[in-house]
């Protein structure tokens, strides 16, 4: 009993001691915090978001880290999607591998074939996670033979963007944008004057793929590489020829502006009034609306006359789990992925970036409704995606050499401005990509 009282007196004396003891207590608490920090499961997250997109992404990660005490997600910018893939090749399967990685949509086949990823389907099945809450037309792209390989994240589609003020000046109805090729050509003629052009498409393979799919055209055989291994292209049929003929005809008519391959140059040309209509990503809509010195309209992707609209292919990127990291890190990454797809997080992501909400319930939240009142153009992009029909064409092609294929299409598009006939340009690209496919099969 005496010993207990003595101990109590000593403890009381220490507690009432000077500031030096407070520092000791403080240091002990700091050490405990450090220990708790060490005990957190670290998830290294490689991404390709830069500028304002990186800021929006970092806010989501910070919110997640603050929402719980067992996981620490560390976002690491790795440059462009192509640069990130190069780095992935160097570290995949080693201790330097990330836990989670963002990869663009055309890297899907490549990532699957790498053998270095863990399909998210594993965790979906183990948990009985309800994927019906995700936007079906987005998930379809990342689903192969019934398996969801990655989690959709930043998703976008192409839209027609146009200058409403220019429409009014040309005697066109700004509330009736062109929906077909003939309407597009007619509007472009009226809008082309005084060194200004009616229409433009960036020399980028993604837009060709989209203009092909909206007609129901396939990029490669074997149902776009989703029924079996694609062995040759299919884009050189009537659907692909229509796209090349549209560009060729409008360029020769003087209504089409060759804007090159740079996205910033394209948007700058539109904002300066150099062209009145062009195709852009839905993710760029809000920025264009905010920066253009005139009223901006947004509409669906135009289609050839007498063709039934099929819809658009999802673009952007998804999140991939690495196979060779330990199970604890995979589970931690899966917790983060689930958090990212909640309606609240997706609503914030949508309004801050312009990307689609992976979880459509986000569109019902006040933050989105308020944004849509200010930017009704965003509703157009969402509606176009919702109305997309689920077909092999709109699901998108699966080939491991997609980046190379896109560059071949770019070269073919550019050759049209040098006078190469559409059919010749298309066939040349088809032959070159077929050779790439053949070489890939032998590797």
Protein backbone atom coordinates (compact mmCIF):
# COMPACT_ATOMS: atom_id res chain seq x y z
CA UNK A 1 0.00 0.00 0.00
CA UNK A 2 2.86 2.38 0.94
CA UNK A 3 4.63 1.56 -2.29
CA UNK A 4 1.48 2.38 -4.29
CA UNK A 5 1.11 5.77 -2.51
CA UNK A 6 4.79 6.58 -3.11
CA UNK A 7 4.42 5.80 -6.79
CA UNK A 8 1.34 8.02 -6.97
CA UNK A 9 3.19 10.91 -5.28
CA UNK A 10 6.12 10.60 -7.68
CA UNK A 11 3.78 10.60 -10.66
CA UNK A 12 1.96 13.67 -9.31
CA UNK A 13 5.24 15.49 -8.84
CA UNK A 14 6.31 14.70 -12.40
CA UNK A 15 3.00 15.88 -13.85
CA UNK A 16 3.28 19.19 -11.96
CA UNK A 17 6.89 19.64 -13.00
CA UNK A 18 8.35 22.31 -15.30
CA UNK A 19 8.03 22.75 -19.11
CA UNK A 20 10.90 20.37 -19.68
CA UNK A 21 8.64 17.52 -18.60
CA UNK A 22 5.91 18.81 -20.94
CA UNK A 23 8.38 18.54 -23.77
CA UNK A 24 9.10 14.97 -22.76
CA UNK A 25 5.40 14.14 -22.82
CA UNK A 26 5.06 15.96 -26.16
CA UNK A 27 7.95 14.00 -27.61
CA UNK A 28 6.36 10.77 -26.42
CA UNK A 29 3.11 11.71 -28.17
CA UNK A 30 5.01 12.61 -31.33
CA UNK A 31 6.73 9.24 -31.21
CA UNK A 32 3.33 7.56 -30.92
CA UNK A 33 2.07 9.52 -33.94
CA UNK A 34 5.15 8.46 -35.88
CA UNK A 35 4.57 4.85 -34.90
CA UNK A 36 0.97 5.09 -36.08
CA UNK A 37 2.21 6.64 -39.32
CA UNK A 38 4.64 3.78 -39.83
CA UNK A 39 1.84 1.28 -39.27
CA UNK A 40 -0.24 2.71 -42.13
CA UNK A 41 -0.36 0.71 -45.34
CA UNK A 42 1.26 2.78 -48.06
CA UNK A 43 -0.27 2.86 -51.53
CA UNK A 44 2.00 4.41 -54.14
CA UNK A 45 -0.22 5.80 -56.88
CA UNK A 46 1.34 6.64 -60.25
CA UNK A 47 -0.69 9.06 -62.36
CA UNK A 48 -0.48 11.28 -65.44
CA UNK A 49 -2.60 14.21 -64.28
CA UNK A 50 -0.92 17.62 -64.53
CA UNK A 51 -1.91 21.24 -63.90
CA UNK A 52 -5.43 21.76 -62.55
CA UNK A 53 -6.19 18.05 -62.98
CA UNK A 54 -3.34 17.13 -60.65
CA UNK A 55 -4.60 19.65 -58.11
CA UNK A 56 -8.10 18.09 -58.22
CA UNK A 57 -6.62 14.60 -57.90
CA UNK A 58 -4.42 15.55 -54.95
CA UNK A 59 -7.46 16.98 -53.14
CA UNK A 60 -9.27 13.65 -53.50
CA UNK A 61 -6.25 11.75 -52.20
CA UNK A 62 -5.85 14.14 -49.25
CA UNK A 63 -9.52 13.76 -48.36
CA UNK A 64 -9.23 9.97 -48.46
CA UNK A 65 -6.10 9.94 -46.31
CA UNK A 66 -7.84 12.16 -43.77
CA UNK A 67 -10.98 9.99 -43.77
CA UNK A 68 -9.29 7.00 -42.13
CA UNK A 69 -6.15 6.11 -40.19
CA UNK A 70 -4.86 2.86 -41.69
CA UNK A 71 -4.01 3.74 -45.31
CA UNK A 72 -1.75 6.40 -46.81
CA UNK A 73 -2.09 6.96 -50.56
CA UNK A 74 0.89 8.74 -52.10
CA UNK A 75 0.19 10.21 -55.57
CA UNK A 76 3.25 10.46 -57.82
CA UNK A 77 3.14 12.25 -61.18
CA UNK A 78 4.91 10.20 -63.88
CA UNK A 79 4.55 12.43 -66.93
CA UNK A 80 2.37 11.54 -69.91
CA UNK A 81 0.59 8.21 -70.23
CA UNK A 82 3.30 7.05 -72.64
CA UNK A 83 6.08 8.11 -70.26
CA UNK A 84 4.36 6.39 -67.35
CA UNK A 85 4.09 3.14 -69.33
CA UNK A 86 7.80 3.27 -70.14
CA UNK A 87 8.59 3.63 -66.43
CA UNK A 88 6.12 0.84 -65.63
CA UNK A 89 8.01 -1.51 -67.95
CA UNK A 90 11.21 -0.79 -66.06
CA UNK A 91 9.89 -1.46 -62.53
CA UNK A 92 6.91 -3.83 -62.90
CA UNK A 93 7.37 -6.82 -60.61
CA UNK A 94 10.17 -5.19 -58.58
CA UNK A 95 10.21 -3.48 -55.18
CA UNK A 96 10.03 -0.14 -56.98
CA UNK A 97 6.66 -0.94 -58.54
CA UNK A 98 3.71 1.28 -57.63
CA UNK A 99 0.65 -0.26 -56.03
CA UNK A 100 -1.77 1.56 -58.29
CA UNK A 101 -1.29 3.07 -61.73
CA UNK A 102 -3.33 5.24 -64.08
CA UNK A 103 -3.15 4.16 -67.73
CA UNK A 104 -4.92 5.53 -70.79
CA UNK A 105 -7.69 3.52 -72.39
CA UNK A 106 -5.67 2.32 -75.38
CA UNK A 107 -3.17 0.75 -73.00
CA UNK A 108 -5.80 -1.76 -71.83
CA UNK A 109 -4.71 -4.67 -73.99
CA UNK A 110 -1.05 -3.96 -73.26
CA UNK A 111 -1.61 -3.95 -69.49
CA UNK A 112 -3.58 -7.20 -69.59
CA UNK A 113 -0.88 -8.93 -71.63
CA UNK A 114 1.91 -7.65 -69.37
CA UNK A 115 0.99 -10.25 -66.75
CA UNK A 116 1.85 -7.67 -64.09
CA UNK A 117 -1.64 -6.54 -63.10
CA UNK A 118 -4.36 -7.86 -60.82
CA UNK A 119 -7.88 -7.55 -62.29
CA UNK A 120 -10.15 -5.57 -59.98
CA UNK A 121 -12.71 -8.30 -60.67
CA UNK A 122 -10.94 -10.33 -57.98
CA UNK A 123 -11.94 -7.87 -55.27
CA UNK A 124 -15.36 -7.26 -56.80
CA UNK A 125 -16.08 -10.99 -56.54
CA UNK A 126 -14.56 -11.47 -53.09
CA UNK A 127 -16.60 -8.63 -51.65
CA UNK A 128 -19.72 -8.99 -53.76
CA UNK A 129 -19.24 -5.36 -54.70
CA UNK A 130 -22.13 -3.90 -56.70
CA UNK A 131 -20.68 -2.62 -59.99
CA UNK A 132 -24.15 -1.77 -61.29
CA UNK A 133 -23.66 1.58 -59.58
CA UNK A 134 -20.94 2.37 -62.15
CA UNK A 135 -21.82 3.86 -65.54
CA UNK A 136 -22.25 0.83 -67.81
CA UNK A 137 -21.03 2.55 -70.98
CA UNK A 138 -17.80 3.42 -69.18
CA UNK A 139 -17.25 0.02 -67.54
CA UNK A 140 -17.84 -1.75 -70.87
CA UNK A 141 -14.54 -0.51 -72.24
CA UNK A 142 -12.52 -2.05 -69.40
CA UNK A 143 -14.45 -5.33 -69.42
CA UNK A 144 -12.95 -8.17 -71.45
CA UNK A 145 -14.65 -11.57 -71.63
CA UNK A 146 -16.75 -10.74 -68.59
CA UNK A 147 -13.80 -9.62 -66.45
CA UNK A 148 -13.42 -6.02 -65.29
CA UNK A 149 -9.68 -5.47 -65.40
CA UNK A 150 -9.34 -1.90 -64.16
CA UNK A 151 -11.44 0.73 -62.44
CA UNK A 152 -12.69 3.54 -64.71
CA UNK A 153 -11.44 6.87 -63.45
CA UNK A 154 -11.08 9.91 -65.71
CA UNK A 155 -13.45 9.28 -68.60
CA UNK A 156 -14.33 11.50 -71.55
CA UNK A 157 -15.83 11.40 -75.04
CA UNK A 158 -15.65 13.71 -78.09
CA UNK A 159 -18.19 16.46 -78.72
CA UNK A 160 -18.77 19.16 -81.31
CA UNK A 161 -17.99 22.60 -79.92
CA UNK A 162 -19.17 25.68 -81.76
CA UNK A 163 -19.24 29.47 -81.62
CA UNK A 164 -22.85 30.56 -81.08
CA UNK A 165 -22.05 34.21 -81.88
CA UNK A 166 -20.52 33.19 -85.20
CA UNK A 167 -23.65 31.15 -85.96
CA UNK A 168 -25.85 34.20 -85.41
CA UNK A 169 -23.63 36.40 -87.61
CA UNK A 170 -23.77 33.79 -90.40
CA UNK A 171 -27.55 33.54 -90.21
CA UNK A 172 -27.49 30.10 -88.59
CA UNK A 173 -29.61 29.03 -85.64
CA UNK A 174 -27.24 28.78 -82.64
CA UNK A 175 -29.62 26.31 -81.00
CA UNK A 176 -29.53 23.95 -83.98
CA UNK A 177 -25.95 22.73 -84.46
CA UNK A 178 -25.20 20.35 -87.36
CA UNK A 179 -25.94 16.71 -86.57
CA UNK A 180 -25.04 15.15 -89.95
CA UNK A 181 -22.17 15.48 -92.41
CA UNK A 182 -24.28 17.37 -94.95
CA UNK A 183 -25.45 19.82 -92.27
CA UNK A 184 -21.85 20.20 -91.09
CA UNK A 185 -20.61 20.99 -94.59
CA UNK A 186 -23.41 23.48 -95.23
CA UNK A 187 -22.84 25.27 -91.92
CA UNK A 188 -19.08 25.36 -92.47
CA UNK A 189 -19.56 27.08 -95.85
CA UNK A 190 -21.64 29.83 -94.27
CA UNK A 191 -19.15 30.25 -91.44
CA UNK A 192 -16.06 30.42 -93.68
CA UNK A 193 -15.20 34.03 -94.55
CA UNK A 194 -12.62 36.75 -93.95
CA UNK A 195 -9.82 34.28 -93.29
CA UNK A 196 -11.91 32.32 -90.80
CA UNK A 197 -12.82 28.67 -91.23
CA UNK A 198 -15.96 26.72 -90.54
CA UNK A 199 -14.62 23.50 -89.05
CA UNK A 200 -11.57 21.59 -87.82
CA UNK A 201 -10.52 18.26 -86.38
CA UNK A 202 -7.26 17.81 -84.52
CA UNK A 203 -4.90 15.44 -86.33
CA UNK A 204 -5.28 12.81 -83.64
CA UNK A 205 -6.23 9.16 -84.04
CA UNK A 206 -8.77 9.26 -81.21
CA UNK A 207 -11.15 11.42 -83.25
CA UNK A 208 -10.96 9.05 -86.20
CA UNK A 209 -11.77 6.12 -83.91
CA UNK A 210 -14.78 7.98 -82.53
CA UNK A 211 -16.11 9.05 -85.95
CA UNK A 212 -15.78 5.43 -87.01
CA UNK A 213 -17.58 3.99 -83.98
CA UNK A 214 -20.49 6.45 -84.04
CA UNK A 215 -21.40 4.86 -87.40
CA UNK A 216 -21.00 1.35 -85.98
CA UNK A 217 -17.69 0.80 -87.74
CA UNK A 218 -15.08 -1.53 -86.23
CA UNK A 219 -11.40 -0.62 -85.93
CA UNK A 220 -10.10 -4.20 -86.14
CA UNK A 221 -11.54 -7.64 -86.86
CA UNK A 222 -12.67 -10.24 -84.30
CA UNK A 223 -15.37 -7.82 -83.12
CA UNK A 224 -12.81 -5.14 -82.34
CA UNK A 225 -10.46 -7.66 -80.78
CA UNK A 226 -12.96 -8.55 -78.08
CA UNK A 227 -14.07 -11.92 -79.47
CA UNK A 228 -10.52 -13.05 -80.22
CA UNK A 229 -7.06 -11.78 -81.07
CA UNK A 230 -7.31 -9.08 -83.75
CA UNK A 231 -5.26 -9.97 -86.81
CA UNK A 232 -6.09 -7.13 -89.18
CA UNK A 233 -7.77 -3.75 -89.32
CA UNK A 234 -11.40 -3.23 -90.28
CA UNK A 235 -11.46 0.57 -90.37
CA UNK A 236 -10.72 0.76 -94.08
CA UNK A 237 -14.31 -0.02 -95.05
CA UNK A 238 -17.09 2.41 -95.92
CA UNK A 239 -17.24 3.91 -92.42
CA UNK A 240 -13.57 4.89 -92.33
CA UNK A 241 -13.70 6.11 -95.91
CA UNK A 242 -16.59 8.44 -95.08
CA UNK A 243 -14.49 10.11 -92.38
CA UNK A 244 -11.49 10.63 -94.65
CA UNK A 245 -13.71 11.87 -97.46
CA UNK A 246 -15.33 14.40 -95.14
CA UNK A 247 -11.95 15.87 -94.18
CA UNK A 248 -10.64 15.74 -97.77
CA UNK A 249 -13.72 17.38 -99.26
CA UNK A 250 -13.99 20.14 -96.67
CA UNK A 251 -10.28 20.92 -96.87
CA UNK A 252 -10.47 21.23 -100.64
CA UNK A 253 -13.58 23.40 -100.34
CA UNK A 254 -11.60 25.75 -98.10
CA UNK A 255 -13.91 25.32 -95.11
CA UNK A 256 -11.63 23.04 -93.06
CA UNK A 257 -8.72 24.43 -91.02
CA UNK A 258 -5.66 22.22 -90.57
CA UNK A 259 -4.93 22.89 -86.92
CA UNK A 260 -2.10 20.33 -86.57
CA UNK A 261 -1.59 17.95 -83.65
CA UNK A 262 -1.43 20.25 -80.62
CA UNK A 263 -4.49 20.46 -78.35
CA UNK A 264 -3.58 23.92 -77.06
CA UNK A 265 -3.17 25.26 -80.59
CA UNK A 266 -6.58 23.87 -81.52
CA UNK A 267 -8.33 25.49 -78.57
CA UNK A 268 -6.49 28.76 -79.08
CA UNK A 269 -7.61 28.85 -82.73
CA UNK A 270 -11.22 28.41 -81.66
CA UNK A 271 -11.04 31.04 -78.94
CA UNK A 272 -9.47 33.55 -81.34
CA UNK A 273 -12.29 32.99 -83.84
CA UNK A 274 -10.06 31.32 -86.44
CA UNK A 275 -12.58 28.51 -86.71
CA UNK A 276 -16.22 28.33 -85.68
CA UNK A 277 -16.64 24.58 -85.05
CA UNK A 278 -14.32 21.78 -84.00
CA UNK A 279 -14.21 18.45 -82.16
CA UNK A 280 -12.88 18.38 -78.62
CA UNK A 281 -12.91 16.18 -75.53
CA UNK A 282 -15.86 16.53 -73.18
CA UNK A 283 -13.29 17.11 -70.43
CA UNK A 284 -12.29 20.38 -72.09
CA UNK A 285 -15.78 21.87 -72.22
CA UNK A 286 -15.78 23.89 -69.02
CA UNK A 287 -12.40 25.45 -69.73
CA UNK A 288 -13.49 26.49 -73.22
CA UNK A 289 -16.75 27.98 -71.94
CA UNK A 290 -14.84 29.97 -69.31
CA UNK A 291 -12.11 31.24 -71.62
CA UNK A 292 -13.89 31.94 -74.92
CA UNK A 293 -14.91 35.60 -75.49
CA UNK A 294 -18.23 34.46 -76.97
CA UNK A 295 -21.09 32.06 -76.28
CA UNK A 296 -20.08 28.43 -76.67
CA UNK A 297 -22.38 25.65 -77.80
CA UNK A 298 -21.83 21.90 -77.38
CA UNK A 299 -23.45 19.15 -79.43
CA UNK A 300 -23.20 15.48 -80.33
CA UNK A 301 -20.64 14.07 -82.72
CA UNK A 302 -21.95 14.57 -86.30
CA UNK A 303 -22.71 11.40 -88.28
CA UNK A 304 -22.96 10.62 -92.01
CA UNK A 305 -26.38 11.12 -93.58
CA UNK A 306 -28.77 8.15 -93.42
CA UNK A 307 -26.66 6.40 -90.77
CA UNK A 308 -28.10 5.31 -87.43
CA UNK A 309 -26.23 6.86 -84.51
CA UNK A 310 -24.47 4.26 -82.35
CA UNK A 311 -22.76 6.47 -79.81
CA UNK A 312 -19.23 7.13 -78.62
CA UNK A 313 -16.29 5.20 -77.21
CA UNK A 314 -15.12 6.09 -73.75
CA UNK A 315 -11.77 7.85 -73.64
CA UNK A 316 -9.50 8.88 -70.80
CA UNK A 317 -7.93 6.43 -68.38
CA UNK A 318 -8.48 3.87 -65.63
CA UNK A 319 -6.74 2.65 -62.47
CA UNK A 320 -4.79 -0.61 -62.44
CA UNK A 321 -3.71 -2.76 -59.49
CA UNK A 322 -0.25 -4.29 -59.62
CA UNK A 323 -0.04 -8.07 -59.26
CA UNK A 324 3.30 -8.43 -57.48
CA UNK A 325 2.71 -6.11 -54.51
CA UNK A 326 1.65 -7.71 -51.24
CA UNK A 327 -1.99 -8.49 -50.56
CA UNK A 328 -2.32 -5.86 -47.82
CA UNK A 329 -1.39 -3.10 -50.26
CA UNK A 330 -3.79 -4.42 -52.88
CA UNK A 331 -6.65 -4.39 -50.38
CA UNK A 332 -5.69 -0.88 -49.31
CA UNK A 333 -5.65 0.28 -52.93
CA UNK A 334 -9.06 -1.34 -53.46
CA UNK A 335 -10.42 0.67 -50.49
CA UNK A 336 -9.17 3.83 -52.16
CA UNK A 337 -10.71 2.84 -55.50
CA UNK A 338 -14.08 2.29 -53.85
CA UNK A 339 -13.81 5.67 -52.16
CA UNK A 340 -13.01 7.37 -55.46
CA UNK A 341 -16.17 5.98 -57.09
CA UNK A 342 -18.58 7.17 -54.40
CA UNK A 343 -21.18 9.69 -55.63
CA UNK A 344 -19.79 12.49 -53.43
CA UNK A 345 -16.23 12.11 -54.71
CA UNK A 346 -17.33 11.65 -58.31
CA UNK A 347 -19.53 14.75 -58.11
CA UNK A 348 -16.54 16.79 -56.99
CA UNK A 349 -14.34 15.23 -59.69
CA UNK A 350 -16.92 15.95 -62.40
CA UNK A 351 -17.42 19.62 -61.52
CA UNK A 352 -13.72 20.30 -61.00
CA UNK A 353 -12.44 18.57 -64.14
CA UNK A 354 -15.27 18.05 -66.62
CA UNK A 355 -14.68 14.29 -66.69
CA UNK A 356 -17.72 12.04 -66.43
CA UNK A 357 -18.85 10.66 -63.09
CA UNK A 358 -18.11 6.94 -62.99
CA UNK A 359 -21.01 6.72 -60.56
CA UNK A 360 -24.03 8.42 -62.24
CA UNK A 361 -25.69 8.99 -58.85
CA UNK A 362 -23.25 11.89 -58.56
CA UNK A 363 -25.32 13.81 -61.12
CA UNK A 364 -28.23 13.97 -58.64
CA UNK A 365 -26.22 15.80 -55.99
CA UNK A 366 -26.66 19.57 -55.46
CA UNK A 367 -23.03 20.38 -56.34
CA UNK A 368 -23.55 18.95 -59.84
CA UNK A 369 -27.00 20.43 -60.38
CA UNK A 370 -25.64 23.86 -59.50
CA UNK A 371 -22.77 23.37 -61.92
CA UNK A 372 -25.09 22.28 -64.71
CA UNK A 373 -27.16 25.42 -64.26
CA UNK A 374 -24.00 27.41 -64.90
CA UNK A 375 -22.66 25.03 -67.56
CA UNK A 376 -25.62 23.39 -69.35
CA UNK A 377 -23.10 22.27 -71.98
CA UNK A 378 -21.94 19.55 -69.56
CA UNK A 379 -25.38 17.95 -69.67
CA UNK A 380 -24.99 17.48 -73.43
CA UNK A 381 -21.82 15.44 -72.94
CA UNK A 382 -23.49 13.23 -70.32
CA UNK A 383 -26.59 12.68 -72.46
CA UNK A 384 -24.52 11.64 -75.47
CA UNK A 385 -22.80 9.00 -73.34
CA UNK A 386 -26.09 7.78 -71.82
CA UNK A 387 -27.62 7.34 -75.27
CA UNK A 388 -24.68 5.27 -76.52
CA UNK A 389 -25.57 1.73 -77.58
CA UNK A 390 -23.43 -1.06 -76.18
CA UNK A 391 -21.85 -2.67 -79.24
CA UNK A 392 -18.35 -3.93 -80.13
CA UNK A 393 -17.89 -0.66 -82.04
CA UNK A 394 -18.66 1.63 -79.10
CA UNK A 395 -16.94 -0.69 -76.63
CA UNK A 396 -13.65 0.20 -78.32
CA UNK A 397 -10.89 -1.84 -79.95
CA UNK A 398 -8.39 -4.00 -78.08
CA UNK A 399 -4.94 -4.14 -79.63
CA UNK A 400 -1.55 -3.99 -77.93
CA UNK A 401 -0.04 -1.70 -80.61
CA UNK A 402 -2.68 1.03 -80.31
CA UNK A 403 -0.25 3.93 -79.73
CA UNK A 404 1.62 3.03 -82.93
CA UNK A 405 -1.66 2.59 -84.80
CA UNK A 406 -2.82 6.05 -83.80
CA UNK A 407 0.33 7.59 -85.19
CA UNK A 408 -0.22 5.83 -88.54
CA UNK A 409 -3.71 7.32 -88.68
CA UNK A 410 -2.32 10.78 -87.91
CA UNK A 411 0.10 10.47 -90.83
CA UNK A 412 -2.75 9.36 -93.09
CA UNK A 413 -4.93 12.28 -91.99
CA UNK A 414 -2.11 14.72 -92.69
CA UNK A 415 -1.52 13.25 -96.14
CA UNK A 416 -5.04 14.32 -97.11
CA UNK A 417 -3.89 17.94 -96.93
CA UNK A 418 -1.13 17.13 -99.42
CA UNK A 419 -3.68 15.91 -101.93
CA UNK A 420 -3.53 12.14 -101.31
CA UNK A 421 -6.90 10.58 -102.17
CA UNK A 422 -8.93 9.37 -99.14
CA UNK A 423 -8.99 5.71 -100.20
CA UNK A 424 -5.25 5.66 -100.85
CA UNK A 425 -4.46 7.34 -97.53
CA UNK A 426 -6.74 4.95 -95.65
CA UNK A 427 -5.33 1.84 -97.32
CA UNK A 428 -1.78 2.97 -96.64
CA UNK A 429 -2.55 3.32 -92.94
CA UNK A 430 -4.35 -0.04 -92.94
CA UNK A 431 -1.36 -1.84 -94.50
CA UNK A 432 1.08 -0.26 -92.07
CA UNK A 433 -1.00 -1.15 -89.02
CA UNK A 434 -1.55 -4.69 -90.31
CA UNK A 435 2.23 -5.08 -90.45
CA UNK A 436 2.45 -3.84 -86.84
CA UNK A 437 -0.18 -6.38 -85.80
CA UNK A 438 1.72 -9.16 -87.56
CA UNK A 439 4.97 -8.18 -85.85
CA UNK A 440 3.26 -8.01 -82.47
CA UNK A 441 1.94 -11.55 -82.95
CA UNK A 442 5.50 -12.85 -83.49
CA UNK A 443 6.93 -11.29 -80.35
